N, C-alpha and C. Protein backbone atom coordinates (compact mmCIF):
# COMPACT_ATOMS: atom_id res chain seq x y z
N MET A 1 -77.20 -8.98 -68.28
CA MET A 1 -76.16 -8.39 -67.21
C MET A 1 -77.03 -7.89 -66.20
N ALA A 2 -76.92 -7.98 -64.96
CA ALA A 2 -76.98 -7.88 -63.64
C ALA A 2 -77.18 -5.94 -63.90
N ARG A 3 -78.62 -5.30 -63.02
CA ARG A 3 -78.19 -4.22 -62.86
C ARG A 3 -78.11 -3.59 -61.43
N GLN A 4 -77.64 -2.40 -60.83
CA GLN A 4 -77.53 -2.30 -59.62
C GLN A 4 -78.90 -0.89 -59.63
N LEU A 5 -80.01 -0.90 -58.69
CA LEU A 5 -81.04 -0.24 -58.56
C LEU A 5 -80.29 1.14 -57.66
N THR A 6 -80.63 2.36 -58.12
CA THR A 6 -80.41 3.50 -57.14
C THR A 6 -81.85 3.99 -57.02
N CYS A 7 -81.75 4.71 -56.20
CA CYS A 7 -83.32 5.38 -55.47
C CYS A 7 -83.80 6.83 -56.51
N PRO A 8 -84.61 6.78 -56.90
CA PRO A 8 -85.43 7.38 -58.36
C PRO A 8 -85.40 9.46 -57.57
N GLN A 9 -85.06 9.30 -56.19
CA GLN A 9 -85.52 10.82 -55.50
C GLN A 9 -83.93 11.26 -55.23
N CYS A 10 -82.80 10.30 -54.71
CA CYS A 10 -81.65 11.03 -54.48
C CYS A 10 -80.48 10.32 -55.67
N GLN A 11 -81.15 9.13 -55.99
CA GLN A 11 -79.43 8.73 -56.85
C GLN A 11 -79.01 8.16 -56.13
N LYS A 12 -79.12 7.17 -54.76
CA LYS A 12 -78.04 6.83 -54.05
C LYS A 12 -78.39 5.35 -54.26
N ASP A 13 -77.42 4.40 -54.23
CA ASP A 13 -78.10 2.99 -54.28
C ASP A 13 -77.92 2.40 -53.22
N THR A 14 -77.95 2.85 -52.29
CA THR A 14 -78.52 2.32 -50.77
C THR A 14 -79.80 1.86 -50.34
N VAL A 15 -80.36 1.31 -51.26
CA VAL A 15 -81.93 0.68 -51.35
C VAL A 15 -82.16 -0.63 -50.70
N LEU A 16 -83.21 -1.24 -50.19
CA LEU A 16 -83.45 -2.35 -49.17
C LEU A 16 -84.63 -2.42 -50.70
N ARG A 17 -85.23 -3.76 -50.67
CA ARG A 17 -86.52 -4.30 -50.79
C ARG A 17 -86.98 -4.33 -49.87
N LEU A 18 -88.15 -4.30 -49.89
CA LEU A 18 -89.41 -4.38 -48.60
C LEU A 18 -90.40 -5.34 -48.98
N ARG A 19 -91.09 -6.08 -48.31
CA ARG A 19 -92.47 -6.94 -48.23
C ARG A 19 -93.51 -6.09 -48.60
N PRO A 20 -94.02 -6.50 -49.92
CA PRO A 20 -95.44 -5.92 -49.99
C PRO A 20 -96.13 -5.56 -49.01
N GLN A 21 -96.95 -4.60 -48.60
CA GLN A 21 -97.74 -4.32 -47.87
C GLN A 21 -99.34 -3.81 -48.56
N SER A 22 -99.47 -2.96 -49.30
CA SER A 22 -100.83 -2.47 -49.77
C SER A 22 -101.19 -3.60 -50.64
N PRO A 23 -102.16 -3.43 -50.91
CA PRO A 23 -103.11 -4.73 -52.15
C PRO A 23 -102.18 -4.13 -53.72
N ARG A 24 -101.89 -3.09 -53.78
CA ARG A 24 -101.08 -1.99 -54.69
C ARG A 24 -99.88 -3.10 -55.39
N GLU A 25 -98.98 -3.14 -54.16
CA GLU A 25 -97.75 -4.05 -54.13
C GLU A 25 -97.80 -4.91 -54.24
N HIS A 26 -98.86 -6.07 -53.33
CA HIS A 26 -99.25 -7.11 -53.59
C HIS A 26 -99.03 -7.69 -55.08
N VAL A 27 -100.39 -7.05 -56.24
CA VAL A 27 -100.91 -7.05 -57.10
C VAL A 27 -98.98 -7.10 -57.95
N ALA A 28 -98.11 -5.98 -58.01
CA ALA A 28 -97.34 -5.77 -58.17
C ALA A 28 -95.67 -6.81 -58.31
N SER A 29 -96.44 -7.63 -57.14
CA SER A 29 -94.71 -8.44 -57.21
C SER A 29 -95.24 -9.36 -58.03
N TRP A 30 -96.58 -9.65 -58.35
CA TRP A 30 -97.01 -11.27 -59.49
C TRP A 30 -96.22 -10.81 -60.36
N ILE A 31 -96.00 -9.52 -60.99
CA ILE A 31 -94.74 -9.16 -62.35
C ILE A 31 -93.93 -8.72 -62.08
N TRP A 32 -93.08 -9.10 -60.95
CA TRP A 32 -91.53 -9.04 -60.20
C TRP A 32 -91.65 -7.40 -60.29
N ILE A 33 -92.87 -6.61 -59.86
CA ILE A 33 -92.05 -5.17 -59.22
C ILE A 33 -92.36 -5.08 -57.84
N SER A 34 -91.82 -4.70 -57.02
CA SER A 34 -91.63 -4.87 -55.43
C SER A 34 -91.46 -3.32 -54.79
N PRO A 35 -91.52 -3.42 -53.72
CA PRO A 35 -91.34 -1.78 -53.03
C PRO A 35 -89.82 -2.09 -52.91
N PHE A 36 -89.50 -0.64 -52.76
CA PHE A 36 -87.93 -0.35 -51.84
C PHE A 36 -88.01 0.78 -51.27
N HIS A 37 -87.04 0.64 -50.33
CA HIS A 37 -86.52 1.91 -49.21
C HIS A 37 -85.33 2.29 -49.55
N CYS A 38 -85.09 3.60 -49.36
CA CYS A 38 -83.59 4.12 -49.85
C CYS A 38 -83.56 4.46 -48.11
N GLN A 39 -82.33 3.84 -48.03
CA GLN A 39 -81.67 4.40 -46.90
C GLN A 39 -81.04 5.48 -47.03
N GLU A 40 -80.88 6.63 -47.43
CA GLU A 40 -80.56 7.68 -47.16
C GLU A 40 -81.53 8.51 -47.51
N CYS A 41 -82.31 8.76 -47.91
CA CYS A 41 -83.40 9.97 -48.24
C CYS A 41 -85.11 9.46 -47.44
N SER A 42 -84.76 7.59 -47.22
CA SER A 42 -86.46 7.39 -46.50
C SER A 42 -87.36 7.18 -47.88
N TYR A 43 -87.16 7.66 -49.29
CA TYR A 43 -88.05 7.39 -50.14
C TYR A 43 -88.13 6.02 -50.19
N ARG A 44 -89.72 5.83 -50.58
CA ARG A 44 -90.23 4.57 -50.72
C ARG A 44 -90.95 4.55 -51.77
N PHE A 45 -90.55 3.96 -53.21
CA PHE A 45 -90.59 3.60 -54.41
C PHE A 45 -91.08 1.98 -55.14
N LEU A 46 -91.63 1.51 -55.71
CA LEU A 46 -91.62 0.49 -56.58
C LEU A 46 -91.22 0.34 -57.72
N ALA A 47 -90.15 -0.91 -58.20
CA ALA A 47 -89.25 -1.18 -59.48
C ALA A 47 -89.28 -2.56 -59.53
N CYS A 48 -88.87 -3.08 -60.92
CA CYS A 48 -88.76 -3.94 -61.67
C CYS A 48 -87.51 -4.75 -61.05
N ARG A 49 -87.73 -6.08 -60.30
CA ARG A 49 -86.78 -7.07 -60.08
C ARG A 49 -85.94 -7.45 -61.16
N ILE A 50 -86.68 -7.72 -62.13
CA ILE A 50 -85.77 -8.14 -63.26
C ILE A 50 -84.63 -7.31 -63.48
N GLY A 51 -83.24 -8.48 -63.69
CA GLY A 51 -82.15 -8.09 -63.93
C GLY A 51 -81.03 -7.30 -62.81
N LEU A 52 -81.71 -7.52 -61.92
CA LEU A 52 -81.01 -6.83 -60.38
C LEU A 52 -80.01 -7.79 -60.14
N VAL A 53 -79.18 -7.44 -59.20
CA VAL A 53 -78.06 -8.43 -58.26
C VAL A 53 -78.83 -9.43 -57.96
N GLU A 54 -78.31 -10.31 -58.37
CA GLU A 54 -78.86 -11.44 -57.10
C GLU A 54 -78.49 -11.49 -56.38
N PRO A 55 -79.44 -12.02 -55.24
CA PRO A 55 -78.84 -12.28 -53.71
C PRO A 55 -78.40 -13.65 -53.49
N LYS A 56 -77.46 -13.37 -52.37
CA LYS A 56 -76.84 -14.38 -51.63
C LYS A 56 -77.65 -14.47 -50.07
N HIS A 57 -78.52 -13.91 -49.78
CA HIS A 57 -79.04 -14.07 -48.11
C HIS A 57 -80.60 -13.81 -48.72
N ALA A 58 -81.53 -14.27 -47.85
CA ALA A 58 -82.96 -14.23 -48.00
C ALA A 58 -83.40 -12.72 -47.85
N ILE A 59 -84.41 -12.17 -48.07
CA ILE A 59 -84.60 -10.96 -48.11
C ILE A 59 -85.17 -10.75 -46.63
N ASP A 60 -84.73 -9.49 -46.06
CA ASP A 60 -84.58 -8.71 -44.73
C ASP A 60 -85.92 -8.38 -44.27
N ARG A 61 -86.50 -8.38 -43.42
CA ARG A 61 -87.66 -7.80 -43.38
C ARG A 61 -87.26 -6.57 -42.23
N ARG A 62 -86.16 -6.01 -42.22
CA ARG A 62 -85.75 -5.08 -41.63
C ARG A 62 -85.50 -3.55 -42.47
N GLU A 63 -86.16 -2.53 -42.17
CA GLU A 63 -86.23 -1.50 -43.10
C GLU A 63 -84.47 -0.52 -43.41
N HIS A 64 -83.66 -0.64 -42.42
CA HIS A 64 -82.82 -0.43 -42.08
C HIS A 64 -81.71 -1.44 -41.79
N LEU A 65 -80.45 -0.80 -42.36
CA LEU A 65 -78.87 -2.05 -42.43
C LEU A 65 -78.63 -1.93 -41.13
N ARG A 66 -78.19 -2.76 -40.18
CA ARG A 66 -77.75 -2.30 -38.82
C ARG A 66 -76.29 -2.26 -39.21
N ILE A 67 -75.76 -1.67 -38.07
CA ILE A 67 -74.34 -1.00 -38.15
C ILE A 67 -73.54 -1.98 -36.78
N PRO A 68 -72.85 -3.08 -37.01
CA PRO A 68 -72.45 -3.34 -35.92
C PRO A 68 -71.63 -2.81 -35.07
N VAL A 69 -71.70 -1.99 -33.72
CA VAL A 69 -71.18 -1.53 -32.60
C VAL A 69 -71.08 -1.86 -31.72
N ARG A 70 -70.13 -1.51 -30.45
CA ARG A 70 -69.92 -1.61 -28.97
C ARG A 70 -69.64 -0.18 -28.59
N LEU A 71 -71.10 0.31 -28.21
CA LEU A 71 -71.37 1.63 -27.66
C LEU A 71 -71.94 1.43 -26.09
N PHE A 72 -71.53 2.51 -25.30
CA PHE A 72 -71.99 2.46 -23.57
C PHE A 72 -73.01 3.27 -24.36
N LEU A 73 -74.29 3.07 -23.17
CA LEU A 73 -75.69 3.68 -23.11
C LEU A 73 -76.23 3.60 -21.74
N SER A 74 -77.01 4.86 -21.95
CA SER A 74 -77.60 4.46 -20.28
C SER A 74 -79.08 5.00 -20.82
N PHE A 75 -80.24 4.27 -19.99
CA PHE A 75 -81.43 4.51 -20.37
C PHE A 75 -82.33 4.75 -19.20
N SER A 76 -83.65 5.49 -19.13
CA SER A 76 -84.35 5.48 -18.39
C SER A 76 -85.98 5.68 -18.41
N GLY A 77 -86.93 5.35 -17.85
CA GLY A 77 -88.18 5.59 -18.36
C GLY A 77 -89.65 4.88 -17.20
N GLY A 78 -90.06 6.03 -16.68
CA GLY A 78 -90.81 5.60 -15.43
C GLY A 78 -89.92 5.24 -14.21
N LYS A 79 -89.94 4.07 -13.57
CA LYS A 79 -89.08 3.63 -12.49
C LYS A 79 -88.22 3.15 -13.04
N VAL A 80 -87.74 2.83 -14.28
CA VAL A 80 -86.53 2.07 -14.75
C VAL A 80 -85.34 2.57 -15.12
N ARG A 81 -84.13 2.09 -14.45
CA ARG A 81 -83.02 2.99 -15.35
C ARG A 81 -82.25 2.00 -15.12
N GLY A 82 -81.14 2.08 -16.40
CA GLY A 82 -80.54 0.95 -16.44
C GLY A 82 -79.23 1.15 -17.61
N GLU A 83 -78.01 0.80 -17.61
CA GLU A 83 -77.36 0.82 -18.29
C GLU A 83 -76.76 -0.37 -19.21
N GLY A 84 -76.09 -0.17 -20.24
CA GLY A 84 -76.06 -1.34 -21.35
C GLY A 84 -74.81 -1.25 -22.17
N ILE A 85 -74.69 -2.23 -23.41
CA ILE A 85 -74.13 -2.07 -24.48
C ILE A 85 -74.79 -2.14 -25.83
N VAL A 86 -74.35 -0.89 -26.46
CA VAL A 86 -75.41 -1.14 -27.59
C VAL A 86 -74.80 -2.21 -28.85
N MET A 87 -75.14 -3.23 -29.33
CA MET A 87 -74.28 -4.00 -30.17
C MET A 87 -74.60 -3.48 -31.60
N ASP A 88 -75.83 -3.05 -31.98
CA ASP A 88 -75.79 -3.02 -33.17
C ASP A 88 -76.71 -1.82 -33.42
N LEU A 89 -77.02 -0.89 -34.38
CA LEU A 89 -77.77 0.55 -34.57
C LEU A 89 -78.10 0.76 -35.68
N SER A 90 -79.19 1.11 -36.21
CA SER A 90 -79.41 1.41 -37.70
C SER A 90 -80.37 2.60 -37.27
N MET A 91 -80.67 3.04 -38.63
CA MET A 91 -81.82 4.60 -38.55
C MET A 91 -82.88 4.37 -37.99
N GLY A 92 -83.45 3.10 -37.70
CA GLY A 92 -84.80 2.73 -37.04
C GLY A 92 -84.65 2.24 -35.67
N GLY A 93 -83.35 1.91 -35.34
CA GLY A 93 -83.20 1.55 -34.02
C GLY A 93 -82.43 0.93 -33.34
N CYS A 94 -82.09 0.03 -32.27
CA CYS A 94 -81.13 -0.61 -31.97
C CYS A 94 -81.01 -2.30 -30.97
N ILE A 95 -79.97 -2.64 -30.91
CA ILE A 95 -80.08 -4.02 -29.83
C ILE A 95 -78.88 -3.83 -29.07
N ILE A 96 -79.56 -3.67 -27.56
CA ILE A 96 -79.00 -3.80 -26.47
C ILE A 96 -78.59 -4.76 -25.66
N LYS A 97 -77.21 -4.68 -24.67
CA LYS A 97 -76.76 -5.87 -24.16
C LYS A 97 -77.13 -5.28 -22.79
N SER A 98 -78.26 -5.80 -21.59
CA SER A 98 -78.33 -4.83 -20.36
C SER A 98 -79.25 -6.01 -19.39
N ASP A 99 -78.69 -5.82 -18.12
CA ASP A 99 -79.41 -6.75 -17.17
C ASP A 99 -80.43 -6.33 -16.62
N ALA A 100 -80.94 -4.72 -17.19
CA ALA A 100 -81.92 -4.43 -16.76
C ALA A 100 -83.31 -4.65 -16.95
N GLN A 101 -84.48 -5.09 -16.10
CA GLN A 101 -85.78 -5.81 -16.36
C GLN A 101 -86.49 -4.50 -16.95
N VAL A 102 -86.90 -4.95 -18.51
CA VAL A 102 -87.76 -4.13 -19.01
C VAL A 102 -88.64 -5.06 -19.65
N HIS A 103 -89.80 -4.40 -20.43
CA HIS A 103 -91.02 -5.53 -20.86
C HIS A 103 -91.17 -4.42 -22.23
N VAL A 104 -91.77 -5.57 -23.21
CA VAL A 104 -92.17 -5.12 -24.69
C VAL A 104 -93.24 -4.00 -24.26
N ASP A 105 -93.12 -2.90 -25.49
CA ASP A 105 -93.92 -1.60 -25.32
C ASP A 105 -93.33 -0.66 -24.31
N ASP A 106 -92.60 -1.03 -23.28
CA ASP A 106 -92.15 0.02 -22.56
C ASP A 106 -91.54 1.26 -23.39
N ILE A 107 -91.50 2.41 -22.89
CA ILE A 107 -90.93 3.34 -23.81
C ILE A 107 -89.94 4.11 -22.74
N PHE A 108 -88.33 4.22 -23.52
CA PHE A 108 -87.29 4.96 -22.71
C PHE A 108 -86.55 6.00 -23.47
N TYR A 109 -85.96 6.78 -22.65
CA TYR A 109 -85.16 7.73 -22.75
C TYR A 109 -83.83 7.46 -23.08
N LEU A 110 -83.09 6.73 -24.55
CA LEU A 110 -81.90 6.62 -24.46
C LEU A 110 -80.94 7.24 -24.51
N GLU A 111 -79.79 7.13 -23.57
CA GLU A 111 -78.43 8.48 -24.34
C GLU A 111 -77.21 7.48 -24.88
N ILE A 112 -76.78 7.52 -25.64
CA ILE A 112 -76.02 6.60 -26.16
C ILE A 112 -74.65 7.35 -26.18
N ALA A 113 -73.31 6.78 -25.69
CA ALA A 113 -72.22 7.33 -25.69
C ALA A 113 -71.46 7.12 -27.12
N ILE A 114 -70.94 8.27 -27.79
CA ILE A 114 -70.07 7.77 -29.25
C ILE A 114 -68.86 8.24 -29.30
N SER A 115 -68.50 8.90 -27.42
CA SER A 115 -67.07 9.20 -27.80
C SER A 115 -66.94 9.83 -26.74
N ASP A 116 -65.71 10.25 -25.81
CA ASP A 116 -65.40 10.89 -24.54
C ASP A 116 -65.44 12.31 -25.12
N GLN A 117 -65.32 12.70 -26.32
CA GLN A 117 -64.98 14.08 -26.82
C GLN A 117 -66.41 14.78 -27.44
N GLU A 118 -67.55 13.66 -27.25
CA GLU A 118 -69.15 14.14 -28.07
C GLU A 118 -70.29 13.99 -27.42
N SER A 119 -71.01 14.90 -27.90
CA SER A 119 -72.05 14.90 -26.71
C SER A 119 -73.01 13.15 -26.76
N PRO A 120 -73.60 12.66 -26.33
CA PRO A 120 -74.01 11.37 -26.44
C PRO A 120 -75.50 11.74 -27.20
N ILE A 121 -75.68 10.49 -28.17
CA ILE A 121 -77.15 10.55 -28.84
C ILE A 121 -77.99 10.27 -27.93
N GLU A 122 -78.96 11.40 -28.34
CA GLU A 122 -80.16 11.45 -27.62
C GLU A 122 -81.80 10.89 -28.25
N VAL A 123 -82.20 9.73 -27.64
CA VAL A 123 -83.30 9.33 -28.44
C VAL A 123 -84.23 8.86 -27.76
N ALA A 124 -85.59 8.78 -27.97
CA ALA A 124 -86.79 8.26 -27.51
C ALA A 124 -86.99 6.78 -28.18
N ALA A 125 -86.75 5.31 -27.45
CA ALA A 125 -87.56 4.51 -27.97
C ALA A 125 -88.04 3.65 -27.38
N MET A 126 -88.96 2.19 -27.94
CA MET A 126 -89.48 1.84 -27.53
C MET A 126 -89.55 -0.12 -27.69
N VAL A 127 -89.48 -0.24 -26.27
CA VAL A 127 -89.14 -2.25 -26.54
C VAL A 127 -89.90 -2.88 -27.47
N ARG A 128 -89.37 -3.46 -28.19
CA ARG A 128 -89.92 -3.95 -29.76
C ARG A 128 -89.62 -5.40 -29.26
N SER A 129 -88.63 -6.27 -28.34
CA SER A 129 -88.45 -7.45 -28.36
C SER A 129 -87.30 -7.47 -27.46
N ILE A 130 -87.51 -8.87 -26.73
CA ILE A 130 -86.33 -9.06 -25.87
C ILE A 130 -85.78 -10.28 -25.96
N SER A 131 -84.50 -11.07 -26.35
CA SER A 131 -84.50 -12.46 -26.64
C SER A 131 -83.04 -12.57 -26.15
N SER A 132 -82.40 -13.88 -26.40
CA SER A 132 -81.13 -13.85 -26.34
C SER A 132 -79.93 -12.92 -27.02
N ARG A 133 -80.49 -12.60 -28.03
CA ARG A 133 -79.38 -11.13 -28.53
C ARG A 133 -79.58 -10.05 -27.98
N GLY A 134 -80.56 -9.84 -26.82
CA GLY A 134 -80.45 -8.70 -26.29
C GLY A 134 -81.70 -8.09 -25.84
N ILE A 135 -81.82 -6.90 -25.94
CA ILE A 135 -83.30 -5.80 -26.03
C ILE A 135 -83.32 -4.93 -27.73
N ALA A 136 -84.48 -5.05 -27.99
CA ALA A 136 -84.52 -4.74 -29.45
C ALA A 136 -85.23 -3.13 -29.31
N PHE A 137 -84.81 -1.99 -29.58
CA PHE A 137 -85.31 -0.55 -29.52
C PHE A 137 -85.95 -0.29 -30.73
N LYS A 138 -86.74 0.17 -30.87
CA LYS A 138 -87.12 0.93 -31.75
C LYS A 138 -87.60 2.49 -31.80
N PHE A 139 -86.73 3.21 -32.81
CA PHE A 139 -86.76 5.04 -32.16
C PHE A 139 -88.11 5.05 -32.67
N LEU A 140 -88.89 6.24 -31.70
CA LEU A 140 -89.92 6.81 -32.16
C LEU A 140 -89.63 7.56 -33.12
N ARG A 141 -88.67 8.33 -33.51
CA ARG A 141 -88.63 9.61 -34.40
C ARG A 141 -87.76 8.78 -35.42
N LYS A 142 -87.79 9.51 -36.48
CA LYS A 142 -86.79 9.11 -37.55
C LYS A 142 -86.04 9.41 -37.41
N ALA A 143 -84.66 8.70 -37.36
CA ALA A 143 -83.15 9.27 -37.68
C ALA A 143 -82.83 10.08 -38.16
N GLN A 144 -83.64 11.10 -40.08
CA GLN A 144 -83.43 12.23 -40.20
C GLN A 144 -83.68 13.17 -39.26
N ASP A 145 -84.28 12.68 -38.25
CA ASP A 145 -84.93 14.18 -37.29
C ASP A 145 -83.61 14.23 -36.36
N ASN A 146 -82.63 12.91 -35.89
CA ASN A 146 -81.54 13.56 -35.23
C ASN A 146 -80.45 13.16 -35.96
N LYS A 147 -79.54 14.79 -35.97
CA LYS A 147 -78.94 15.00 -36.77
C LYS A 147 -77.45 14.35 -36.17
N LEU A 148 -77.28 14.42 -34.94
CA LEU A 148 -76.08 13.38 -34.31
C LEU A 148 -75.98 11.98 -34.94
N LEU A 149 -77.24 11.29 -34.70
CA LEU A 149 -77.83 9.74 -34.73
C LEU A 149 -77.47 9.76 -36.40
N LEU A 150 -77.83 10.54 -36.92
CA LEU A 150 -77.60 10.24 -38.71
C LEU A 150 -76.54 10.42 -38.94
N ALA A 151 -75.53 11.46 -38.52
CA ALA A 151 -74.08 11.47 -38.67
C ALA A 151 -73.25 10.61 -38.57
N PHE A 152 -73.17 9.99 -37.26
CA PHE A 152 -72.76 8.66 -36.61
C PHE A 152 -72.83 7.52 -37.61
N ILE A 153 -74.42 7.56 -37.81
CA ILE A 153 -74.96 6.17 -38.54
C ILE A 153 -74.06 6.14 -39.74
N GLN A 154 -74.41 7.26 -41.02
CA GLN A 154 -73.55 7.89 -41.89
C GLN A 154 -71.96 7.53 -42.33
N SER A 155 -71.50 7.99 -40.73
CA SER A 155 -70.01 8.05 -40.84
C SER A 155 -69.44 6.90 -40.85
N ASN A 156 -70.18 5.81 -39.82
CA ASN A 156 -69.70 4.20 -39.92
C ASN A 156 -70.29 3.59 -40.53
N ALA A 157 -71.58 3.95 -41.51
CA ALA A 157 -71.77 3.16 -42.72
C ALA A 157 -70.85 3.59 -44.04
N GLY A 158 -70.22 4.45 -43.87
CA GLY A 158 -68.93 4.82 -44.65
C GLY A 158 -67.98 3.85 -44.53
N ALA A 159 -67.42 4.05 -43.27
CA ALA A 159 -66.42 3.07 -42.71
C ALA A 159 -66.41 1.70 -43.28
N THR A 160 -67.64 0.88 -43.35
CA THR A 160 -67.63 -0.14 -43.80
C THR A 160 -68.32 -0.28 -45.11
N SER A 161 -68.22 0.58 -46.04
CA SER A 161 -69.06 0.42 -47.44
C SER A 161 -68.97 -0.42 -47.76
N THR A 162 -67.53 -1.76 -48.46
CA THR A 162 -67.72 -2.56 -49.01
C THR A 162 -68.86 -3.64 -48.22
N VAL A 163 -68.52 -3.62 -47.16
CA VAL A 163 -70.21 -4.75 -46.23
C VAL A 163 -71.30 -4.47 -46.68
N LEU A 164 -71.60 -2.99 -46.38
CA LEU A 164 -73.30 -2.68 -46.43
C LEU A 164 -73.39 -2.72 -47.87
N SER A 165 -72.09 -2.58 -49.22
CA SER A 165 -72.90 -2.60 -50.30
C SER A 165 -73.30 -4.00 -50.62
N LYS A 166 -72.32 -5.02 -50.25
CA LYS A 166 -72.59 -6.56 -50.56
C LYS A 166 -73.96 -6.56 -49.67
N ALA A 167 -74.24 -6.34 -48.68
CA ALA A 167 -76.17 -6.70 -48.38
C ALA A 167 -77.00 -5.68 -48.72
N VAL A 168 -76.44 -4.38 -49.36
CA VAL A 168 -77.64 -3.88 -50.08
C VAL A 168 -78.20 -4.20 -51.36
N ALA A 169 -76.51 -4.87 -51.94
CA ALA A 169 -76.85 -5.34 -53.30
C ALA A 169 -77.62 -6.82 -52.88
N SER A 170 -77.14 -7.44 -52.01
CA SER A 170 -78.01 -9.01 -51.67
C SER A 170 -79.50 -8.80 -51.43
N SER A 171 -79.75 -7.30 -50.51
CA SER A 171 -81.48 -7.32 -50.46
C SER A 171 -81.85 -6.68 -51.36
N VAL A 172 -81.16 -5.94 -52.47
CA VAL A 172 -82.10 -5.05 -53.56
C VAL A 172 -82.20 -6.21 -54.29
N ALA A 173 -81.66 -7.26 -54.40
CA ALA A 173 -81.50 -8.12 -55.59
C ALA A 173 -82.77 -9.04 -55.82
N ARG A 174 -83.66 -9.22 -54.50
CA ARG A 174 -84.67 -9.81 -54.55
C ARG A 174 -85.80 -9.15 -55.12
């Protein structure tokens, strides 16, 4: 019988399986024990994969689920200023579409407009990659430290909970 894994710290079922990093985790993976990361409280833990819900997709190397969005953003850093559209957002970063010329490892201050009535989400981020999908930013602080960002992600994750639950179940089962 398949089981759903929950975080031992917060008891939520929003966990993702990660790739082993430490020698201890690599050895544990030989006996079907893998590292997991809780999306709610950021707790990292080891758990047995035997009997977990089977995945439909390959393991995701991301630590955070991406939420598809279309939000206006402006950014600045050094002599570069730009505007764009946030295409997806997670607790660890975002992907944007923009015509601005940026380089990997550049650091920017982002302002993401979530609505006309609310203050923008303000966050420092570093360019991780540039591809046809867009510019990938990694946030320099955890989303838990930015209350507005955390609240936005949690409220939108709840709105798409069915889709996210399936994605989490697929990732966890591996």
